[in-house]
Amino acid sequence: MSRIDTIKNLLEQDPGNSRMRYMLAMETANSGDLAGAAKVYEELLATDPNYNAAYFHGGQTLEKLGRIEEARAIYERGIDATTRNGDGHTRSELQGALSSLG
């Protein structure tokens, strides 16, 4: 059984587990399925908009797919979220990623 299959099985048992969904997105990206990973990041953020790391890594994934406007939008959403919940470190990373888009 692959790591992705293991994580999917764990998510079936606990579908609301944001950490597991984030791990699924990361493993999916690492396997080379960037479009699949982008979808998982969006699913995660739809159910847990305070999962700050998903904004950065989701945006990076969208950039790799050439979906620059979608990456810009996710970075902007992440900046709003991290400002609301006081995560200055992640906000700074998101601002840097956004400014690198030009």
C-alpha atoms as a PDB file:
ATOM      1  CA  MET A   1       0.000   0.000   0.000  1.00  0.00           C
ATOM      2  CA  SER A   2       1.378   3.406  -0.976  1.00  0.00           C
ATOM      3  CA  ARG A   3       1.658   6.357   1.384  1.00  0.00           C
ATOM      4  CA  ILE A   4      -1.132   8.054  -0.541  1.00  0.00           C
ATOM      5  CA  ASP A   5      -3.393   5.030  -0.105  1.00  0.00           C
ATOM      6  CA  THR A   6      -2.571   4.887   3.596  1.00  0.00           C
ATOM      7  CA  ILE A   7      -3.460   8.563   4.055  1.00  0.00           C
ATOM      8  CA  LYS A   8      -6.671   8.150   2.044  1.00  0.00           C
ATOM      9  CA  ASN A   9      -7.668   5.237   4.278  1.00  0.00           C
ATOM     10  CA  LEU A  10      -7.029   7.349   7.375  1.00  0.00           C
ATOM     11  CA  LEU A  11      -9.105  10.177   5.877  1.00  0.00           C
ATOM     12  CA  GLU A  12     -11.990   7.797   5.263  1.00  0.00           C
ATOM     13  CA  GLN A  13     -11.974   7.121   9.003  1.00  0.00           C
ATOM     14  CA  ASP A  14     -11.644  10.810   9.907  1.00  0.00           C
ATOM     15  CA  PRO A  15     -12.686  13.020   6.950  1.00  0.00           C
ATOM     16  CA  GLY A  16     -12.392  16.217   8.982  1.00  0.00           C
ATOM     17  CA  ASN A  17      -8.714  15.683   9.792  1.00  0.00           C
ATOM     18  CA  SER A  18      -7.052  18.743   8.242  1.00  0.00           C
ATOM     19  CA  ARG A  19      -3.539  17.539   8.984  1.00  0.00           C
ATOM     20  CA  MET A  20      -4.159  14.281   7.114  1.00  0.00           C
ATOM     21  CA  ARG A  21      -5.686  16.166   4.176  1.00  0.00           C
ATOM     22  CA  TYR A  22      -2.610  18.430   4.093  1.00  0.00           C
ATOM     23  CA  MET A  23      -0.369  15.356   4.127  1.00  0.00           C
ATOM     24  CA  LEU A  24      -2.398  13.914   1.240  1.00  0.00           C
ATOM     25  CA  ALA A  25      -1.887  17.099  -0.768  1.00  0.00           C
ATOM     26  CA  MET A  26       1.853  17.058  -0.093  1.00  0.00           C
ATOM     27  CA  GLU A  27       2.202  13.371  -1.005  1.00  0.00           C
ATOM     28  CA  THR A  28       0.102  13.862  -4.124  1.00  0.00           C
ATOM     29  CA  ALA A  29       2.366  16.727  -5.218  1.00  0.00           C
ATOM     30  CA  ASN A  30       5.470  14.683  -4.426  1.00  0.00           C
ATOM     31  CA  SER A  31       4.136  11.881  -6.629  1.00  0.00           C
ATOM     32  CA  GLY A  32       4.014  14.323  -9.553  1.00  0.00           C
ATOM     33  CA  ASP A  33       0.233  14.759  -9.667  1.00  0.00           C
ATOM     34  CA  LEU A  34       0.212  18.538  -9.302  1.00  0.00           C
ATOM     35  CA  ALA A  35      -3.351  18.966 -10.555  1.00  0.00           C
ATOM     36  CA  GLY A  36      -4.541  16.412  -8.010  1.00  0.00           C
ATOM     37  CA  ALA A  37      -2.583  18.138  -5.266  1.00  0.00           C
ATOM     38  CA  ALA A  38      -4.066  21.533  -6.158  1.00  0.00           C
ATOM     39  CA  LYS A  39      -7.532  20.011  -5.851  1.00  0.00           C
ATOM     40  CA  VAL A  40      -6.738  18.563  -2.417  1.00  0.00           C
ATOM     41  CA  TYR A  41      -5.356  21.925  -1.209  1.00  0.00           C
ATOM     42  CA  GLU A  42      -8.574  23.633  -2.316  1.00  0.00           C
ATOM     43  CA  GLU A  43     -10.681  20.975  -0.576  1.00  0.00           C
ATOM     44  CA  LEU A  44      -8.664  21.493   2.588  1.00  0.00           C
ATOM     45  CA  LEU A  45      -9.014  25.262   2.507  1.00  0.00           C
ATOM     46  CA  ALA A  46     -12.751  24.982   1.815  1.00  0.00           C
ATOM     47  CA  THR A  47     -13.209  22.997   5.019  1.00  0.00           C
ATOM     48  CA  ASP A  48     -10.462  24.597   7.123  1.00  0.00           C
ATOM     49  CA  PRO A  49      -9.676  28.159   5.970  1.00  0.00           C
ATOM     50  CA  ASN A  50      -7.266  28.584   8.887  1.00  0.00           C
ATOM     51  CA  TYR A  51      -4.841  25.872   7.721  1.00  0.00           C
ATOM     52  CA  ASN A  52      -2.249  28.491   6.829  1.00  0.00           C
ATOM     53  CA  ALA A  53       0.453  26.305   5.272  1.00  0.00           C
ATOM     54  CA  ALA A  54      -2.007  25.112   2.615  1.00  0.00           C
ATOM     55  CA  TYR A  55      -2.186  28.613   1.150  1.00  0.00           C
ATOM     56  CA  PHE A  56       1.550  28.752   0.511  1.00  0.00           C
ATOM     57  CA  HIS A  57       1.979  25.211  -0.778  1.00  0.00           C
ATOM     58  CA  GLY A  58      -1.274  25.355  -2.719  1.00  0.00           C
ATOM     59  CA  GLY A  59      -0.100  28.554  -4.392  1.00  0.00           C
ATOM     60  CA  GLN A  60       3.272  27.039  -5.192  1.00  0.00           C
ATOM     61  CA  THR A  61       1.543  24.064  -6.775  1.00  0.00           C
ATOM     62  CA  LEU A  62      -0.676  26.319  -8.875  1.00  0.00           C
ATOM     63  CA  GLU A  63       2.394  28.266 -10.013  1.00  0.00           C
ATOM     64  CA  LYS A  64       4.063  25.044 -11.163  1.00  0.00           C
ATOM     65  CA  LEU A  65       0.927  24.286 -13.163  1.00  0.00           C
ATOM     66  CA  GLY A  66       1.146  27.732 -14.796  1.00  0.00           C
ATOM     67  CA  ARG A  67      -2.109  28.806 -13.149  1.00  0.00           C
ATOM     68  CA  ILE A  68      -0.673  32.144 -12.045  1.00  0.00           C
ATOM     69  CA  GLU A  69      -3.909  34.055 -11.448  1.00  0.00           C
ATOM     70  CA  GLU A  70      -5.220  31.233  -9.268  1.00  0.00           C
ATOM     71  CA  ALA A  71      -1.911  31.226  -7.375  1.00  0.00           C
ATOM     72  CA  ARG A  72      -2.217  34.981  -6.872  1.00  0.00           C
ATOM     73  CA  ALA A  73      -5.739  34.538  -5.529  1.00  0.00           C
ATOM     74  CA  ILE A  74      -4.761  31.799  -3.070  1.00  0.00           C
ATOM     75  CA  TYR A  75      -1.817  33.867  -1.814  1.00  0.00           C
ATOM     76  CA  GLU A  76      -4.136  36.844  -1.284  1.00  0.00           C
ATOM     77  CA  ARG A  77      -6.655  34.670   0.572  1.00  0.00           C
ATOM     78  CA  GLY A  78      -3.809  33.324   2.685  1.00  0.00           C
ATOM     79  CA  ILE A  79      -2.577  36.798   3.548  1.00  0.00           C
ATOM     80  CA  ASP A  80      -6.078  37.686   4.735  1.00  0.00           C
ATOM     81  CA  ALA A  81      -6.334  34.478   6.772  1.00  0.00           C
ATOM     82  CA  THR A  82      -2.911  34.815   8.394  1.00  0.00           C
ATOM     83  CA  THR A  83      -3.577  38.453   9.202  1.00  0.00           C
ATOM     84  CA  ARG A  84      -6.817  37.434  10.953  1.00  0.00           C
ATOM     85  CA  ASN A  85      -5.203  34.665  12.982  1.00  0.00           C
ATOM     86  CA  GLY A  86      -1.911  36.397  13.722  1.00  0.00           C
ATOM     87  CA  ASP A  87       0.506  34.112  11.843  1.00  0.00           C
ATOM     88  CA  GLY A  88       3.108  36.667  10.855  1.00  0.00           C
ATOM     89  CA  HIS A  89       5.658  34.122   9.640  1.00  0.00           C
ATOM     90  CA  THR A  90       3.354  32.496   7.105  1.00  0.00           C
ATOM     91  CA  ARG A  91       1.937  35.884   6.107  1.00  0.00           C
ATOM     92  CA  SER A  92       5.467  37.031   5.308  1.00  0.00           C
ATOM     93  CA  GLU A  93       6.085  33.929   3.161  1.00  0.00           C
ATOM     94  CA  LEU A  94       2.821  34.497   1.315  1.00  0.00           C
ATOM     95  CA  GLN A  95       3.624  38.164   0.723  1.00  0.00           C
ATOM     96  CA  GLY A  96       7.011  37.176  -0.681  1.00  0.00           C
ATOM     97  CA  ALA A  97       5.442  34.606  -2.982  1.00  0.00           C
ATOM     98  CA  LEU A  98       2.820  37.102  -4.136  1.00  0.00           C
ATOM     99  CA  SER A  99       5.408  39.796  -4.864  1.00  0.00           C
ATOM    100  CA  SER A 100       7.504  37.318  -6.857  1.00  0.00           C
ATOM    101  CA  LEU A 101       4.583  36.924  -9.263  1.00  0.00           C
ATOM    102  CA  GLY A 102       5.082  40.542 -10.279  1.00  0.00           C
END
